[in-house]
Amino acid sequence: AFWNRFIKAEKRTVYTKTESLFQEKGYPLFNSRVESLVSIKEKRST
């Protein structure tokens, strides 16, 4: 799994608690977080 639509201004507790829970359950979680910005869709191209 990896975080998508990451918002820097949000409180971080939900991220850290989820990461701890994933570690407890043995579910892999990438370090990368993809930010929630309009340009991700605007500059999407095949």
ModelCIF file with pLDDT and N, C-alpha, C, O atoms, coordinates in Angstrom:
data_MODEL
#
_entry.id   MODEL 
#
_entity.id                         1 
_entity.type                       polymer 
_entity.pdbx_number_of_molecules   1 
#
_entity_poly.entity_id                      1 
_entity_poly.type                           'polypeptide(L)' 
_entity_poly.nstd_linkage                   no 
_entity_poly.nstd_monomer                   no 
_entity_poly.pdbx_seq_one_letter_code       AFWNRFIKAEKRTVYTKTESLFQEKGYPLFNSRVESLVSIKEKRST 
_entity_poly.pdbx_seq_one_letter_code_can   AFWNRFIKAEKRTVYTKTESLFQEKGYPLFNSRVESLVSIKEKRST 
_entity_poly.pdbx_strand_id                 A 
#
loop_
_entity_poly_seq.entity_id 
_entity_poly_seq.num 
_entity_poly_seq.mon_id 
_entity_poly_seq.hetero 
1 1  ALA n 
1 2  PHE n 
1 3  TRP n 
1 4  ASN n 
1 5  ARG n 
1 6  PHE n 
1 7  ILE n 
1 8  LYS n 
1 9  ALA n 
1 10 GLU n 
1 11 LYS n 
1 12 ARG n 
1 13 THR n 
1 14 VAL n 
1 15 TYR n 
1 16 THR n 
1 17 LYS n 
1 18 THR n 
1 19 GLU n 
1 20 SER n 
1 21 LEU n 
1 22 PHE n 
1 23 GLN n 
1 24 GLU n 
1 25 LYS n 
1 26 GLY n 
1 27 TYR n 
1 28 PRO n 
1 29 LEU n 
1 30 PHE n 
1 31 ASN n 
1 32 SER n 
1 33 ARG n 
1 34 VAL n 
1 35 GLU n 
1 36 SER n 
1 37 LEU n 
1 38 VAL n 
1 39 SER n 
1 40 ILE n 
1 41 LYS n 
1 42 GLU n 
1 43 LYS n 
1 44 ARG n 
1 45 SER n 
1 46 THR n 
#
_struct_asym.id          A 
_struct_asym.entity_id   1 
#
loop_
_ma_qa_metric.id 
_ma_qa_metric.mode 
_ma_qa_metric.name 
_ma_qa_metric.software_group_id 
_ma_qa_metric.type 
1 global pLDDT . pLDDT 
2 local  pLDDT . pLDDT 
#
_ma_qa_metric_global.metric_id      1 
_ma_qa_metric_global.metric_value   89.07 
_ma_qa_metric_global.model_id       1 
_ma_qa_metric_global.ordinal_id     1 
#
loop_
_ma_qa_metric_local.label_asym_id 
_ma_qa_metric_local.label_comp_id 
_ma_qa_metric_local.label_seq_id 
_ma_qa_metric_local.metric_id 
_ma_qa_metric_local.metric_value 
_ma_qa_metric_local.model_id 
_ma_qa_metric_local.ordinal_id 
A ALA 1  2 97.00 1 1  
A PHE 2  2 96.00 1 2  
A TRP 3  2 95.00 1 3  
A ASN 4  2 94.00 1 4  
A ARG 5  2 91.00 1 5  
A PHE 6  2 91.00 1 6  
A ILE 7  2 83.00 1 7  
A LYS 8  2 77.00 1 8  
A ALA 9  2 71.00 1 9  
A GLU 10 2 67.00 1 10 
A LYS 11 2 65.00 1 11 
A ARG 12 2 72.00 1 12 
A THR 13 2 81.00 1 13 
A VAL 14 2 85.00 1 14 
A TYR 15 2 89.00 1 15 
A THR 16 2 87.00 1 16 
A LYS 17 2 89.00 1 17 
A THR 18 2 92.00 1 18 
A GLU 19 2 91.00 1 19 
A SER 20 2 92.00 1 20 
A LEU 21 2 93.00 1 21 
A PHE 22 2 94.00 1 22 
A GLN 23 2 93.00 1 23 
A GLU 24 2 93.00 1 24 
A LYS 25 2 92.00 1 25 
A GLY 26 2 93.00 1 26 
A TYR 27 2 95.00 1 27 
A PRO 28 2 96.00 1 28 
A LEU 29 2 96.00 1 29 
A PHE 30 2 97.00 1 30 
A ASN 31 2 95.00 1 31 
A SER 32 2 95.00 1 32 
A ARG 33 2 94.00 1 33 
A VAL 34 2 95.00 1 34 
A GLU 35 2 92.00 1 35 
A SER 36 2 84.00 1 36 
A LEU 37 2 84.00 1 37 
A VAL 38 2 82.00 1 38 
A SER 39 2 85.00 1 39 
A ILE 40 2 90.00 1 40 
A LYS 41 2 89.00 1 41 
A GLU 42 2 88.00 1 42 
A LYS 43 2 91.00 1 43 
A ARG 44 2 93.00 1 44 
A SER 45 2 96.00 1 45 
A THR 46 2 97.00 1 46 
#
loop_
_atom_site.group_PDB 
_atom_site.id 
_atom_site.type_symbol 
_atom_site.label_atom_id 
_atom_site.label_alt_id 
_atom_site.label_comp_id 
_atom_site.label_asym_id 
_atom_site.label_entity_id 
_atom_site.label_seq_id 
_atom_site.pdbx_PDB_ins_code 
_atom_site.Cartn_x 
_atom_site.Cartn_y 
_atom_site.Cartn_z 
_atom_site.occupancy 
_atom_site.B_iso_or_equiv 
_atom_site.pdbx_formal_charge 
_atom_site.auth_seq_id 
_atom_site.auth_comp_id 
_atom_site.auth_asym_id 
_atom_site.auth_atom_id 
_atom_site.pdbx_PDB_model_num 
ATOM 1   N N  . ALA A 1 1  ? 0.851  -1.186 0.000   1.00 97.00 ? 1  ALA A N  1 
ATOM 2   C CA . ALA A 1 1  ? 0.000  0.000  0.000   1.00 97.00 ? 1  ALA A CA 1 
ATOM 3   C C  . ALA A 1 1  ? 0.890  1.241  0.000   1.00 97.00 ? 1  ALA A C  1 
ATOM 4   O O  . ALA A 1 1  ? 2.057  1.183  0.388   1.00 97.00 ? 1  ALA A O  1 
ATOM 5   N N  . PHE A 1 2  ? 0.325  2.358  -0.439  1.00 96.00 ? 2  PHE A N  1 
ATOM 6   C CA . PHE A 1 2  ? 1.036  3.637  -0.343  1.00 96.00 ? 2  PHE A CA 1 
ATOM 7   C C  . PHE A 1 2  ? 0.003  4.742  -0.176  1.00 96.00 ? 2  PHE A C  1 
ATOM 8   O O  . PHE A 1 2  ? -1.135 4.628  -0.631  1.00 96.00 ? 2  PHE A O  1 
ATOM 9   N N  . TRP A 1 3  ? 0.425  5.809  0.484   1.00 95.00 ? 3  TRP A N  1 
ATOM 10  C CA . TRP A 1 3  ? -0.479 6.933  0.722   1.00 95.00 ? 3  TRP A CA 1 
ATOM 11  C C  . TRP A 1 3  ? -0.670 7.736  -0.558  1.00 95.00 ? 3  TRP A C  1 
ATOM 12  O O  . TRP A 1 3  ? 0.298  8.157  -1.191  1.00 95.00 ? 3  TRP A O  1 
ATOM 13  N N  . ASN A 1 4  ? -1.914 7.939  -0.925  1.00 94.00 ? 4  ASN A N  1 
ATOM 14  C CA . ASN A 1 4  ? -2.267 8.788  -2.058  1.00 94.00 ? 4  ASN A CA 1 
ATOM 15  C C  . ASN A 1 4  ? -3.109 9.948  -1.543  1.00 94.00 ? 4  ASN A C  1 
ATOM 16  O O  . ASN A 1 4  ? -3.773 9.836  -0.512  1.00 94.00 ? 4  ASN A O  1 
ATOM 17  N N  . ARG A 1 5  ? -3.075 11.081 -2.280  1.00 91.00 ? 5  ARG A N  1 
ATOM 18  C CA . ARG A 1 5  ? -3.810 12.291 -1.901  1.00 91.00 ? 5  ARG A CA 1 
ATOM 19  C C  . ARG A 1 5  ? -3.404 12.750 -0.499  1.00 91.00 ? 5  ARG A C  1 
ATOM 20  O O  . ARG A 1 5  ? -4.232 13.142 0.322   1.00 91.00 ? 5  ARG A O  1 
ATOM 21  N N  . PHE A 1 6  ? -2.111 12.684 -0.269  1.00 91.00 ? 6  PHE A N  1 
ATOM 22  C CA . PHE A 1 6  ? -1.542 13.120 1.002   1.00 91.00 ? 6  PHE A CA 1 
ATOM 23  C C  . PHE A 1 6  ? -1.619 14.637 1.100   1.00 91.00 ? 6  PHE A C  1 
ATOM 24  O O  . PHE A 1 6  ? -1.255 15.346 0.162   1.00 91.00 ? 6  PHE A O  1 
ATOM 25  N N  . ILE A 1 7  ? -2.094 15.128 2.236   1.00 83.00 ? 7  ILE A N  1 
ATOM 26  C CA . ILE A 1 7  ? -2.219 16.573 2.462   1.00 83.00 ? 7  ILE A CA 1 
ATOM 27  C C  . ILE A 1 7  ? -1.310 16.951 3.624   1.00 83.00 ? 7  ILE A C  1 
ATOM 28  O O  . ILE A 1 7  ? -1.533 16.526 4.758   1.00 83.00 ? 7  ILE A O  1 
ATOM 29  N N  . LYS A 1 8  ? -0.292 17.745 3.342   1.00 77.00 ? 8  LYS A N  1 
ATOM 30  C CA . LYS A 1 8  ? 0.709  18.080 4.350   1.00 77.00 ? 8  LYS A CA 1 
ATOM 31  C C  . LYS A 1 8  ? 0.101  18.781 5.557   1.00 77.00 ? 8  LYS A C  1 
ATOM 32  O O  . LYS A 1 8  ? 0.592  18.626 6.675   1.00 77.00 ? 8  LYS A O  1 
ATOM 33  N N  . ALA A 1 9  ? -0.966 19.555 5.340   1.00 71.00 ? 9  ALA A N  1 
ATOM 34  C CA . ALA A 1 9  ? -1.535 20.340 6.430   1.00 71.00 ? 9  ALA A CA 1 
ATOM 35  C C  . ALA A 1 9  ? -2.359 19.500 7.403   1.00 71.00 ? 9  ALA A C  1 
ATOM 36  O O  . ALA A 1 9  ? -2.704 19.983 8.482   1.00 71.00 ? 9  ALA A O  1 
ATOM 37  N N  . GLU A 1 10 ? -2.680 18.269 7.053   1.00 67.00 ? 10 GLU A N  1 
ATOM 38  C CA . GLU A 1 10 ? -3.490 17.434 7.922   1.00 67.00 ? 10 GLU A CA 1 
ATOM 39  C C  . GLU A 1 10 ? -2.701 16.992 9.149   1.00 67.00 ? 10 GLU A C  1 
ATOM 40  O O  . GLU A 1 10 ? -1.473 16.913 9.116   1.00 67.00 ? 10 GLU A O  1 
ATOM 41  N N  . LYS A 1 11 ? -3.422 16.704 10.234  1.00 65.00 ? 11 LYS A N  1 
ATOM 42  C CA . LYS A 1 11 ? -2.778 16.130 11.403  1.00 65.00 ? 11 LYS A CA 1 
ATOM 43  C C  . LYS A 1 11 ? -2.185 14.779 11.018  1.00 65.00 ? 11 LYS A C  1 
ATOM 44  O O  . LYS A 1 11 ? -2.756 14.055 10.203  1.00 65.00 ? 11 LYS A O  1 
ATOM 45  N N  . ARG A 1 12 ? -1.044 14.443 11.604  1.00 72.00 ? 12 ARG A N  1 
ATOM 46  C CA . ARG A 1 12 ? -0.315 13.253 11.187  1.00 72.00 ? 12 ARG A CA 1 
ATOM 47  C C  . ARG A 1 12 ? -0.709 11.994 11.960  1.00 72.00 ? 12 ARG A C  1 
ATOM 48  O O  . ARG A 1 12 ? -0.280 10.900 11.593  1.00 72.00 ? 12 ARG A O  1 
ATOM 49  N N  . THR A 1 13 ? -1.514 12.118 13.021  1.00 81.00 ? 13 THR A N  1 
ATOM 50  C CA . THR A 1 13 ? -1.789 10.954 13.848  1.00 81.00 ? 13 THR A CA 1 
ATOM 51  C C  . THR A 1 13 ? -2.382 9.799  13.054  1.00 81.00 ? 13 THR A C  1 
ATOM 52  O O  . THR A 1 13 ? -2.030 8.642  13.282  1.00 81.00 ? 13 THR A O  1 
ATOM 53  N N  . VAL A 1 14 ? -3.282 10.108 12.122  1.00 85.00 ? 14 VAL A N  1 
ATOM 54  C CA . VAL A 1 14 ? -3.906 9.039  11.348  1.00 85.00 ? 14 VAL A CA 1 
ATOM 55  C C  . VAL A 1 14 ? -2.864 8.276  10.538  1.00 85.00 ? 14 VAL A C  1 
ATOM 56  O O  . VAL A 1 14 ? -2.993 7.067  10.345  1.00 85.00 ? 14 VAL A O  1 
ATOM 57  N N  . TYR A 1 15 ? -1.829 8.975  10.061  1.00 89.00 ? 15 TYR A N  1 
ATOM 58  C CA . TYR A 1 15 ? -0.779 8.310  9.299   1.00 89.00 ? 15 TYR A CA 1 
ATOM 59  C C  . TYR A 1 15 ? 0.082  7.424  10.201  1.00 89.00 ? 15 TYR A C  1 
ATOM 60  O O  . TYR A 1 15 ? 0.322  6.258  9.888   1.00 89.00 ? 15 TYR A O  1 
ATOM 61  N N  . THR A 1 16 ? 0.535  7.974  11.301  1.00 87.00 ? 16 THR A N  1 
ATOM 62  C CA . THR A 1 16 ? 1.433  7.213  12.174  1.00 87.00 ? 16 THR A CA 1 
ATOM 63  C C  . THR A 1 16 ? 0.715  6.030  12.817  1.00 87.00 ? 16 THR A C  1 
ATOM 64  O O  . THR A 1 16 ? 1.301  4.957  12.958  1.00 87.00 ? 16 THR A O  1 
ATOM 65  N N  . LYS A 1 17 ? -0.543 6.210  13.209  1.00 89.00 ? 17 LYS A N  1 
ATOM 66  C CA . LYS A 1 17 ? -1.276 5.099  13.815  1.00 89.00 ? 17 LYS A CA 1 
ATOM 67  C C  . LYS A 1 17 ? -1.556 4.001  12.786  1.00 89.00 ? 17 LYS A C  1 
ATOM 68  O O  . LYS A 1 17 ? -1.505 2.812  13.101  1.00 89.00 ? 17 LYS A O  1 
ATOM 69  N N  . THR A 1 18 ? -1.854 4.423  11.546  1.00 92.00 ? 18 THR A N  1 
ATOM 70  C CA . THR A 1 18 ? -2.084 3.425  10.496  1.00 92.00 ? 18 THR A CA 1 
ATOM 71  C C  . THR A 1 18 ? -0.799 2.659  10.209  1.00 92.00 ? 18 THR A C  1 
ATOM 72  O O  . THR A 1 18 ? -0.821 1.439  10.046  1.00 92.00 ? 18 THR A O  1 
ATOM 73  N N  . GLU A 1 19 ? 0.309  3.370  10.149  1.00 91.00 ? 19 GLU A N  1 
ATOM 74  C CA . GLU A 1 19 ? 1.583  2.710  9.880   1.00 91.00 ? 19 GLU A CA 1 
ATOM 75  C C  . GLU A 1 19 ? 1.938  1.722  10.985  1.00 91.00 ? 19 GLU A C  1 
ATOM 76  O O  . GLU A 1 19 ? 2.475  0.648  10.712  1.00 91.00 ? 19 GLU A O  1 
ATOM 77  N N  . SER A 1 20 ? 1.640  2.082  12.229  1.00 92.00 ? 20 SER A N  1 
ATOM 78  C CA . SER A 1 20 ? 1.887  1.162  13.340  1.00 92.00 ? 20 SER A CA 1 
ATOM 79  C C  . SER A 1 20 ? 0.984  -0.060 13.237  1.00 92.00 ? 20 SER A C  1 
ATOM 80  O O  . SER A 1 20 ? 1.412  -1.185 13.495  1.00 92.00 ? 20 SER A O  1 
ATOM 81  N N  . LEU A 1 21 ? -0.260 0.171  12.860  1.00 93.00 ? 21 LEU A N  1 
ATOM 82  C CA . LEU A 1 21 ? -1.210 -0.937 12.712  1.00 93.00 ? 21 LEU A CA 1 
ATOM 83  C C  . LEU A 1 21 ? -0.796 -1.866 11.578  1.00 93.00 ? 21 LEU A C  1 
ATOM 84  O O  . LEU A 1 21 ? -0.883 -3.088 11.702  1.00 93.00 ? 21 LEU A O  1 
ATOM 85  N N  . PHE A 1 22 ? -0.343 -1.276 10.464  1.00 94.00 ? 22 PHE A N  1 
ATOM 86  C CA . PHE A 1 22 ? 0.121  -2.090 9.338   1.00 94.00 ? 22 PHE A CA 1 
ATOM 87  C C  . PHE A 1 22 ? 1.325  -2.944 9.760   1.00 94.00 ? 22 PHE A C  1 
ATOM 88  O O  . PHE A 1 22 ? 1.419  -4.121 9.413   1.00 94.00 ? 22 PHE A O  1 
ATOM 89  N N  . GLN A 1 23 ? 2.228  -2.337 10.504  1.00 93.00 ? 23 GLN A N  1 
ATOM 90  C CA . GLN A 1 23 ? 3.404  -3.077 10.962  1.00 93.00 ? 23 GLN A CA 1 
ATOM 91  C C  . GLN A 1 23 ? 2.990  -4.228 11.867  1.00 93.00 ? 23 GLN A C  1 
ATOM 92  O O  . GLN A 1 23 ? 3.542  -5.325 11.787  1.00 93.00 ? 23 GLN A O  1 
ATOM 93  N N  . GLU A 1 24 ? 2.017  -3.968 12.724  1.00 93.00 ? 24 GLU A N  1 
ATOM 94  C CA . GLU A 1 24 ? 1.519  -5.010 13.635  1.00 93.00 ? 24 GLU A CA 1 
ATOM 95  C C  . GLU A 1 24 ? 0.889  -6.167 12.866  1.00 93.00 ? 24 GLU A C  1 
ATOM 96  O O  . GLU A 1 24 ? 1.072  -7.330 13.223  1.00 93.00 ? 24 GLU A O  1 
ATOM 97  N N  . LYS A 1 25 ? 0.142  -5.840 11.806  1.00 92.00 ? 25 LYS A N  1 
ATOM 98  C CA . LYS A 1 25 ? -0.542 -6.861 11.018  1.00 92.00 ? 25 LYS A CA 1 
ATOM 99  C C  . LYS A 1 25 ? 0.357  -7.515 9.969   1.00 92.00 ? 25 LYS A C  1 
ATOM 100 O O  . LYS A 1 25 ? -0.013 -8.519 9.359   1.00 92.00 ? 25 LYS A O  1 
ATOM 101 N N  . GLY A 1 26 ? 1.542  -6.934 9.766   1.00 93.00 ? 26 GLY A N  1 
ATOM 102 C CA . GLY A 1 26 ? 2.450  -7.476 8.753   1.00 93.00 ? 26 GLY A CA 1 
ATOM 103 C C  . GLY A 1 26 ? 2.101  -7.076 7.343   1.00 93.00 ? 26 GLY A C  1 
ATOM 104 O O  . GLY A 1 26 ? 2.462  -7.774 6.395   1.00 93.00 ? 26 GLY A O  1 
ATOM 105 N N  . TYR A 1 27 ? 1.385  -5.936 7.177   1.00 95.00 ? 27 TYR A N  1 
ATOM 106 C CA . TYR A 1 27 ? 1.015  -5.450 5.854   1.00 95.00 ? 27 TYR A CA 1 
ATOM 107 C C  . TYR A 1 27 ? 2.047  -4.413 5.403   1.00 95.00 ? 27 TYR A C  1 
ATOM 108 O O  . TYR A 1 27 ? 2.243  -3.418 6.101   1.00 95.00 ? 27 TYR A O  1 
ATOM 109 N N  . PRO A 1 28 ? 2.709  -4.609 4.267   1.00 96.00 ? 28 PRO A N  1 
ATOM 110 C CA . PRO A 1 28 ? 3.737  -3.671 3.805   1.00 96.00 ? 28 PRO A CA 1 
ATOM 111 C C  . PRO A 1 28 ? 3.141  -2.329 3.382   1.00 96.00 ? 28 PRO A C  1 
ATOM 112 O O  . PRO A 1 28 ? 2.108  -2.276 2.715   1.00 96.00 ? 28 PRO A O  1 
ATOM 113 N N  . LEU A 1 29 ? 3.808  -1.255 3.781   1.00 96.00 ? 29 LEU A N  1 
ATOM 114 C CA . LEU A 1 29 ? 3.385  0.103  3.422   1.00 96.00 ? 29 LEU A CA 1 
ATOM 115 C C  . LEU A 1 29 ? 4.609  0.878  2.951   1.00 96.00 ? 29 LEU A C  1 
ATOM 116 O O  . LEU A 1 29 ? 5.591  1.004  3.682   1.00 96.00 ? 29 LEU A O  1 
ATOM 117 N N  . PHE A 1 30 ? 4.548  1.393  1.733   1.00 97.00 ? 30 PHE A N  1 
ATOM 118 C CA . PHE A 1 30 ? 5.651  2.166  1.194   1.00 97.00 ? 30 PHE A CA 1 
ATOM 119 C C  . PHE A 1 30 ? 5.871  3.447  2.003   1.00 97.00 ? 30 PHE A C  1 
ATOM 120 O O  . PHE A 1 30 ? 4.960  3.964  2.649   1.00 97.00 ? 30 PHE A O  1 
ATOM 121 N N  . ASN A 1 31 ? 7.094  3.931  1.945   1.00 95.00 ? 31 ASN A N  1 
ATOM 122 C CA . ASN A 1 31 ? 7.423  5.208  2.558   1.00 95.00 ? 31 ASN A CA 1 
ATOM 123 C C  . ASN A 1 31 ? 6.837  6.381  1.767   1.00 95.00 ? 31 ASN A C  1 
ATOM 124 O O  . ASN A 1 31 ? 6.492  7.410  2.348   1.00 95.00 ? 31 ASN A O  1 
ATOM 125 N N  . SER A 1 32 ? 6.725  6.229  0.452   1.00 95.00 ? 32 SER A N  1 
ATOM 126 C CA . SER A 1 32 ? 6.302  7.318  -0.433  1.00 95.00 ? 32 SER A CA 1 
ATOM 127 C C  . SER A 1 32 ? 4.869  7.769  -0.150  1.00 95.00 ? 32 SER A C  1 
ATOM 128 O O  . SER A 1 32 ? 3.992  6.960  0.154   1.00 95.00 ? 32 SER A O  1 
ATOM 129 N N  . ARG A 1 33 ? 4.657  9.078  -0.257  1.00 94.00 ? 33 ARG A N  1 
ATOM 130 C CA . ARG A 1 33 ? 3.315  9.656  -0.131  1.00 94.00 ? 33 ARG A CA 1 
ATOM 131 C C  . ARG A 1 33 ? 3.076  10.576 -1.325  1.00 94.00 ? 33 ARG A C  1 
ATOM 132 O O  . ARG A 1 33 ? 3.838  11.513 -1.560  1.00 94.00 ? 33 ARG A O  1 
ATOM 133 N N  . VAL A 1 34 ? 2.027  10.304 -2.064  1.00 95.00 ? 34 VAL A N  1 
ATOM 134 C CA . VAL A 1 34 ? 1.697  11.107 -3.238  1.00 95.00 ? 34 VAL A CA 1 
ATOM 135 C C  . VAL A 1 34 ? 0.738  12.217 -2.816  1.00 95.00 ? 34 VAL A C  1 
ATOM 136 O O  . VAL A 1 34 ? -0.323 11.951 -2.252  1.00 95.00 ? 34 VAL A O  1 
ATOM 137 N N  . GLU A 1 35 ? 1.120  13.455 -3.093  1.00 92.00 ? 35 GLU A N  1 
ATOM 138 C CA . GLU A 1 35 ? 0.347  14.589 -2.608  1.00 92.00 ? 35 GLU A CA 1 
ATOM 139 C C  . GLU A 1 35 ? -0.950 14.818 -3.380  1.00 92.00 ? 35 GLU A C  1 
ATOM 140 O O  . GLU A 1 35 ? -1.101 14.409 -4.532  1.00 92.00 ? 35 GLU A O  1 
ATOM 141 N N  . SER A 1 36 ? -1.863 15.476 -2.709  1.00 84.00 ? 36 SER A N  1 
ATOM 142 C CA . SER A 1 36 ? -3.161 15.793 -3.293  1.00 84.00 ? 36 SER A CA 1 
ATOM 143 C C  . SER A 1 36 ? -3.108 17.172 -3.945  1.00 84.00 ? 36 SER A C  1 
ATOM 144 O O  . SER A 1 36 ? -3.419 18.179 -3.309  1.00 84.00 ? 36 SER A O  1 
ATOM 145 N N  . LEU A 1 37 ? -2.714 17.210 -5.208  1.00 84.00 ? 37 LEU A N  1 
ATOM 146 C CA . LEU A 1 37 ? -2.646 18.466 -5.952  1.00 84.00 ? 37 LEU A CA 1 
ATOM 147 C C  . LEU A 1 37 ? -3.296 18.296 -7.318  1.00 84.00 ? 37 LEU A C  1 
ATOM 148 O O  . LEU A 1 37 ? -3.253 17.217 -7.908  1.00 84.00 ? 37 LEU A O  1 
ATOM 149 N N  . VAL A 1 38 ? -3.895 19.367 -7.810  1.00 82.00 ? 38 VAL A N  1 
ATOM 150 C CA . VAL A 1 38 ? -4.643 19.326 -9.068  1.00 82.00 ? 38 VAL A CA 1 
ATOM 151 C C  . VAL A 1 38 ? -3.770 18.893 -10.236 1.00 82.00 ? 38 VAL A C  1 
ATOM 152 O O  . VAL A 1 38 ? -4.257 18.242 -11.161 1.00 82.00 ? 38 VAL A O  1 
ATOM 153 N N  . SER A 1 39 ? -2.490 19.244 -10.210 1.00 85.00 ? 39 SER A N  1 
ATOM 154 C CA . SER A 1 39 ? -1.603 18.959 -11.344 1.00 85.00 ? 39 SER A CA 1 
ATOM 155 C C  . SER A 1 39 ? -1.441 17.465 -11.612 1.00 85.00 ? 39 SER A C  1 
ATOM 156 O O  . SER A 1 39 ? -1.066 17.080 -12.719 1.00 85.00 ? 39 SER A O  1 
ATOM 157 N N  . ILE A 1 40 ? -1.714 16.625 -10.631 1.00 90.00 ? 40 ILE A N  1 
ATOM 158 C CA . ILE A 1 40 ? -1.599 15.176 -10.856 1.00 90.00 ? 40 ILE A CA 1 
ATOM 159 C C  . ILE A 1 40 ? -2.572 14.740 -11.935 1.00 90.00 ? 40 ILE A C  1 
ATOM 160 O O  . ILE A 1 40 ? -2.245 13.892 -12.765 1.00 90.00 ? 40 ILE A O  1 
ATOM 161 N N  . LYS A 1 41 ? -3.766 15.314 -11.928 1.00 89.00 ? 41 LYS A N  1 
ATOM 162 C CA . LYS A 1 41 ? -4.733 14.988 -12.978 1.00 89.00 ? 41 LYS A CA 1 
ATOM 163 C C  . LYS A 1 41 ? -4.526 15.843 -14.219 1.00 89.00 ? 41 LYS A C  1 
ATOM 164 O O  . LYS A 1 41 ? -4.632 15.352 -15.343 1.00 89.00 ? 41 LYS A O  1 
ATOM 165 N N  . GLU A 1 42 ? -4.231 17.121 -14.013 1.00 88.00 ? 42 GLU A N  1 
ATOM 166 C CA . GLU A 1 42 ? -4.086 18.029 -15.153 1.00 88.00 ? 42 GLU A CA 1 
ATOM 167 C C  . GLU A 1 42 ? -2.942 17.622 -16.073 1.00 88.00 ? 42 GLU A C  1 
ATOM 168 O O  . GLU A 1 42 ? -3.035 17.800 -17.288 1.00 88.00 ? 42 GLU A O  1 
ATOM 169 N N  . LYS A 1 43 ? -1.867 17.077 -15.511 1.00 91.00 ? 43 LYS A N  1 
ATOM 170 C CA . LYS A 1 43 ? -0.693 16.727 -16.307 1.00 91.00 ? 43 LYS A CA 1 
ATOM 171 C C  . LYS A 1 43 ? -0.561 15.224 -16.527 1.00 91.00 ? 43 LYS A C  1 
ATOM 172 O O  . LYS A 1 43 ? 0.506  14.729 -16.890 1.00 91.00 ? 43 LYS A O  1 
ATOM 173 N N  . ARG A 1 44 ? -1.646 14.515 -16.304 1.00 93.00 ? 44 ARG A N  1 
ATOM 174 C CA . ARG A 1 44 ? -1.678 13.079 -16.579 1.00 93.00 ? 44 ARG A CA 1 
ATOM 175 C C  . ARG A 1 44 ? -1.685 12.859 -18.084 1.00 93.00 ? 44 ARG A C  1 
ATOM 176 O O  . ARG A 1 44 ? -2.495 13.456 -18.793 1.00 93.00 ? 44 ARG A O  1 
ATOM 177 N N  . SER A 1 45 ? -0.800 12.016 -18.574 1.00 96.00 ? 45 SER A N  1 
ATOM 178 C CA . SER A 1 45 ? -0.720 11.768 -20.014 1.00 96.00 ? 45 SER A CA 1 
ATOM 179 C C  . SER A 1 45 ? -0.189 10.370 -20.283 1.00 96.00 ? 45 SER A C  1 
ATOM 180 O O  . SER A 1 45 ? 0.687  9.874  -19.574 1.00 96.00 ? 45 SER A O  1 
ATOM 181 N N  . THR A 1 46 ? -0.738 9.739  -21.328 1.00 97.00 ? 46 THR A N  1 
ATOM 182 C CA . THR A 1 46 ? -0.234 8.434  -21.759 1.00 97.00 ? 46 THR A CA 1 
ATOM 183 C C  . THR A 1 46 ? 0.832  8.586  -22.846 1.00 97.00 ? 46 THR A C  1 
ATOM 184 O O  . THR A 1 46 ? 1.368  7.589  -23.328 1.00 97.00 ? 46 THR A O  1 
#
